[in-house]
Amino acid sequence: MSTPPTNRLMRLVVNEDFTHVSERTDIVDDVRYKLVDSDHPFGGPGAYNGGRVRFDADGHLFLTTGDVRP
């Protein structure tokens, strides 16, 4: 795990039957989030992080990171 903890936005190519990925490209590798005490089911003490990836009509990429509450 990185310090501080981060998420990563990646591009992958998926084959036709969705059984294999290739050509990984890291687009953004330092999207921060905070670890918090919770009953989060995915790893360690849990994490409070969220976000969305969207493209606009001109092809611009938007990445939101949630509210990262204290």
N, C-alpha and C. Protein backbone atom coordinates (compact mmCIF):
# COMPACT_ATOMS: atom_id res chain seq x y z
N MET A 1 0.85 -1.17 0.00
CA MET A 1 0.00 0.00 0.00
C MET A 1 0.89 1.24 0.00
N SER A 2 0.49 2.24 -0.74
CA SER A 2 1.26 3.47 -0.78
C SER A 2 0.95 4.33 0.44
N THR A 3 1.84 5.26 0.75
CA THR A 3 1.62 6.18 1.86
C THR A 3 1.78 7.59 1.33
N PRO A 4 0.76 8.42 1.35
CA PRO A 4 -0.60 8.11 1.79
C PRO A 4 -1.29 7.15 0.82
N PRO A 5 -2.37 6.50 1.27
CA PRO A 5 -3.06 5.54 0.41
C PRO A 5 -3.64 6.23 -0.83
N THR A 6 -3.54 5.56 -1.96
CA THR A 6 -4.05 6.13 -3.20
C THR A 6 -4.78 5.09 -4.04
N ASN A 7 -5.67 5.58 -4.89
CA ASN A 7 -6.31 4.77 -5.92
C ASN A 7 -5.63 5.07 -7.24
N ARG A 8 -5.95 4.29 -8.25
CA ARG A 8 -5.33 4.46 -9.56
C ARG A 8 -6.40 4.33 -10.64
N LEU A 9 -6.35 5.21 -11.62
CA LEU A 9 -7.22 5.13 -12.78
C LEU A 9 -6.41 4.50 -13.91
N MET A 10 -6.91 3.38 -14.45
CA MET A 10 -6.18 2.64 -15.48
C MET A 10 -7.05 2.42 -16.71
N ARG A 11 -6.39 2.24 -17.83
CA ARG A 11 -7.06 1.82 -19.06
C ARG A 11 -6.61 0.40 -19.32
N LEU A 12 -7.58 -0.48 -19.61
CA LEU A 12 -7.29 -1.88 -19.93
C LEU A 12 -8.03 -2.27 -21.20
N VAL A 13 -7.47 -3.19 -21.94
CA VAL A 13 -8.15 -3.75 -23.10
C VAL A 13 -8.68 -5.12 -22.67
N VAL A 14 -9.98 -5.36 -22.89
CA VAL A 14 -10.62 -6.61 -22.48
C VAL A 14 -10.94 -7.41 -23.74
N ASN A 15 -10.66 -8.72 -23.69
CA ASN A 15 -10.95 -9.54 -24.87
C ASN A 15 -12.46 -9.74 -25.05
N GLU A 16 -12.85 -10.32 -26.18
CA GLU A 16 -14.26 -10.41 -26.55
C GLU A 16 -15.12 -11.20 -25.58
N ASP A 17 -14.57 -12.23 -24.94
CA ASP A 17 -15.39 -13.00 -24.00
C ASP A 17 -15.14 -12.61 -22.54
N PHE A 18 -14.51 -11.45 -22.33
CA PHE A 18 -14.31 -10.87 -21.00
C PHE A 18 -13.55 -11.77 -20.04
N THR A 19 -12.60 -12.55 -20.56
CA THR A 19 -11.84 -13.45 -19.70
C THR A 19 -10.39 -13.04 -19.52
N HIS A 20 -9.97 -11.98 -20.22
CA HIS A 20 -8.57 -11.57 -20.15
C HIS A 20 -8.45 -10.08 -20.41
N VAL A 21 -7.56 -9.45 -19.66
CA VAL A 21 -7.26 -8.03 -19.92
C VAL A 21 -5.79 -7.90 -20.30
N SER A 22 -5.49 -6.87 -21.08
CA SER A 22 -4.11 -6.62 -21.50
C SER A 22 -3.92 -5.12 -21.70
N GLU A 23 -2.74 -4.75 -22.08
CA GLU A 23 -2.40 -3.37 -22.42
C GLU A 23 -2.77 -2.37 -21.31
N ARG A 24 -2.39 -2.68 -20.09
CA ARG A 24 -2.66 -1.78 -18.97
C ARG A 24 -1.91 -0.46 -19.17
N THR A 25 -2.65 0.63 -19.01
CA THR A 25 -2.06 1.97 -19.06
C THR A 25 -2.51 2.72 -17.83
N ASP A 26 -1.59 3.13 -16.98
CA ASP A 26 -1.94 3.94 -15.81
C ASP A 26 -2.13 5.37 -16.27
N ILE A 27 -3.31 5.93 -15.99
CA ILE A 27 -3.63 7.29 -16.41
C ILE A 27 -3.37 8.27 -15.28
N VAL A 28 -3.90 7.96 -14.10
CA VAL A 28 -3.64 8.75 -12.90
C VAL A 28 -3.32 7.76 -11.79
N ASP A 29 -2.18 7.94 -11.10
CA ASP A 29 -1.80 6.94 -10.10
C ASP A 29 -1.71 7.49 -8.69
N ASP A 30 -2.28 8.65 -8.44
CA ASP A 30 -2.18 9.21 -7.09
C ASP A 30 -3.48 9.85 -6.62
N VAL A 31 -4.59 9.13 -6.77
CA VAL A 31 -5.89 9.62 -6.32
C VAL A 31 -6.04 9.24 -4.85
N ARG A 32 -5.87 10.23 -3.98
CA ARG A 32 -5.83 9.96 -2.53
C ARG A 32 -7.19 9.61 -1.95
N TYR A 33 -7.17 8.84 -0.87
CA TYR A 33 -8.36 8.56 -0.07
C TYR A 33 -7.91 8.37 1.37
N LYS A 34 -8.87 8.39 2.29
CA LYS A 34 -8.55 8.22 3.70
C LYS A 34 -9.04 6.87 4.19
N LEU A 35 -8.21 6.22 4.99
CA LEU A 35 -8.66 5.02 5.70
C LEU A 35 -9.43 5.46 6.93
N VAL A 36 -10.54 4.80 7.18
CA VAL A 36 -11.33 5.10 8.38
C VAL A 36 -11.79 3.79 9.00
N ASP A 37 -12.09 3.83 10.28
CA ASP A 37 -12.66 2.66 10.94
C ASP A 37 -14.07 2.45 10.41
N SER A 38 -14.34 1.23 9.95
CA SER A 38 -15.66 0.91 9.43
C SER A 38 -15.79 -0.59 9.33
N ASP A 39 -16.95 -1.03 8.90
CA ASP A 39 -17.15 -2.46 8.65
C ASP A 39 -17.12 -2.74 7.14
N HIS A 40 -16.38 -1.91 6.42
CA HIS A 40 -16.24 -2.04 4.98
C HIS A 40 -15.78 -3.45 4.65
N PRO A 41 -16.43 -4.14 3.71
CA PRO A 41 -16.10 -5.54 3.45
C PRO A 41 -14.85 -5.78 2.61
N PHE A 42 -14.20 -4.72 2.10
CA PHE A 42 -13.09 -4.92 1.19
C PHE A 42 -11.78 -4.47 1.78
N GLY A 43 -11.09 -5.33 2.48
CA GLY A 43 -9.72 -5.11 2.91
C GLY A 43 -9.50 -4.25 4.12
N GLY A 44 -8.66 -4.72 5.00
CA GLY A 44 -8.17 -3.96 6.14
C GLY A 44 -9.26 -3.29 6.94
N PRO A 45 -8.97 -2.09 7.45
CA PRO A 45 -9.92 -1.38 8.28
C PRO A 45 -11.03 -0.74 7.49
N GLY A 46 -10.99 -0.84 6.18
CA GLY A 46 -12.00 -0.21 5.34
C GLY A 46 -11.51 1.12 4.83
N ALA A 47 -12.20 1.66 3.90
CA ALA A 47 -11.79 2.92 3.31
C ALA A 47 -13.02 3.75 3.01
N TYR A 48 -12.90 5.05 3.20
CA TYR A 48 -13.97 5.95 2.80
C TYR A 48 -13.47 6.66 1.56
N ASN A 49 -13.84 6.14 0.44
CA ASN A 49 -13.46 6.77 -0.82
C ASN A 49 -14.48 6.37 -1.87
N GLY A 50 -14.63 7.19 -2.82
CA GLY A 50 -15.58 6.92 -3.88
C GLY A 50 -15.28 7.84 -5.03
N GLY A 51 -16.03 7.73 -6.04
CA GLY A 51 -15.80 8.62 -7.16
C GLY A 51 -16.46 8.10 -8.41
N ARG A 52 -16.19 8.79 -9.48
CA ARG A 52 -16.79 8.47 -10.77
C ARG A 52 -15.84 8.84 -11.88
N VAL A 53 -15.93 8.12 -12.96
CA VAL A 53 -15.16 8.44 -14.16
C VAL A 53 -16.17 8.69 -15.27
N ARG A 54 -16.05 9.84 -15.91
CA ARG A 54 -16.96 10.21 -16.99
C ARG A 54 -16.20 10.91 -18.11
N PHE A 55 -16.76 10.82 -19.30
CA PHE A 55 -16.25 11.56 -20.46
C PHE A 55 -17.35 12.50 -20.93
N ASP A 56 -16.96 13.70 -21.37
CA ASP A 56 -17.96 14.60 -21.93
C ASP A 56 -18.01 14.42 -23.45
N ALA A 57 -18.86 15.19 -24.11
CA ALA A 57 -19.06 15.06 -25.56
C ALA A 57 -17.79 15.34 -26.35
N ASP A 58 -16.86 16.10 -25.79
CA ASP A 58 -15.61 16.40 -26.48
C ASP A 58 -14.51 15.40 -26.15
N GLY A 59 -14.81 14.37 -25.34
CA GLY A 59 -13.83 13.36 -25.00
C GLY A 59 -12.96 13.69 -23.80
N HIS A 60 -13.29 14.77 -23.07
CA HIS A 60 -12.53 15.11 -21.87
C HIS A 60 -12.87 14.13 -20.76
N LEU A 61 -11.87 13.74 -20.00
CA LEU A 61 -12.03 12.79 -18.90
C LEU A 61 -12.23 13.56 -17.60
N PHE A 62 -13.23 13.15 -16.82
CA PHE A 62 -13.47 13.74 -15.50
C PHE A 62 -13.42 12.61 -14.48
N LEU A 63 -12.64 12.83 -13.43
CA LEU A 63 -12.51 11.86 -12.35
C LEU A 63 -12.84 12.57 -11.04
N THR A 64 -13.91 12.13 -10.38
CA THR A 64 -14.24 12.71 -9.07
C THR A 64 -13.75 11.77 -7.99
N THR A 65 -13.54 12.32 -6.80
CA THR A 65 -12.94 11.52 -5.73
C THR A 65 -13.80 11.43 -4.50
N GLY A 66 -15.07 11.75 -4.56
CA GLY A 66 -15.94 11.68 -3.39
C GLY A 66 -15.68 12.83 -2.45
N ASP A 67 -16.26 12.79 -1.27
CA ASP A 67 -16.12 13.92 -0.36
C ASP A 67 -14.99 13.76 0.65
N VAL A 68 -14.40 12.59 0.75
CA VAL A 68 -13.28 12.32 1.66
C VAL A 68 -13.47 13.04 3.00
N ARG A 69 -14.54 12.66 3.66
CA ARG A 69 -14.86 13.32 4.94
C ARG A 69 -13.77 13.08 5.97
N PRO A 70 -13.60 14.01 6.90
CA PRO A 70 -12.57 13.85 7.93
C PRO A 70 -12.93 12.76 8.93
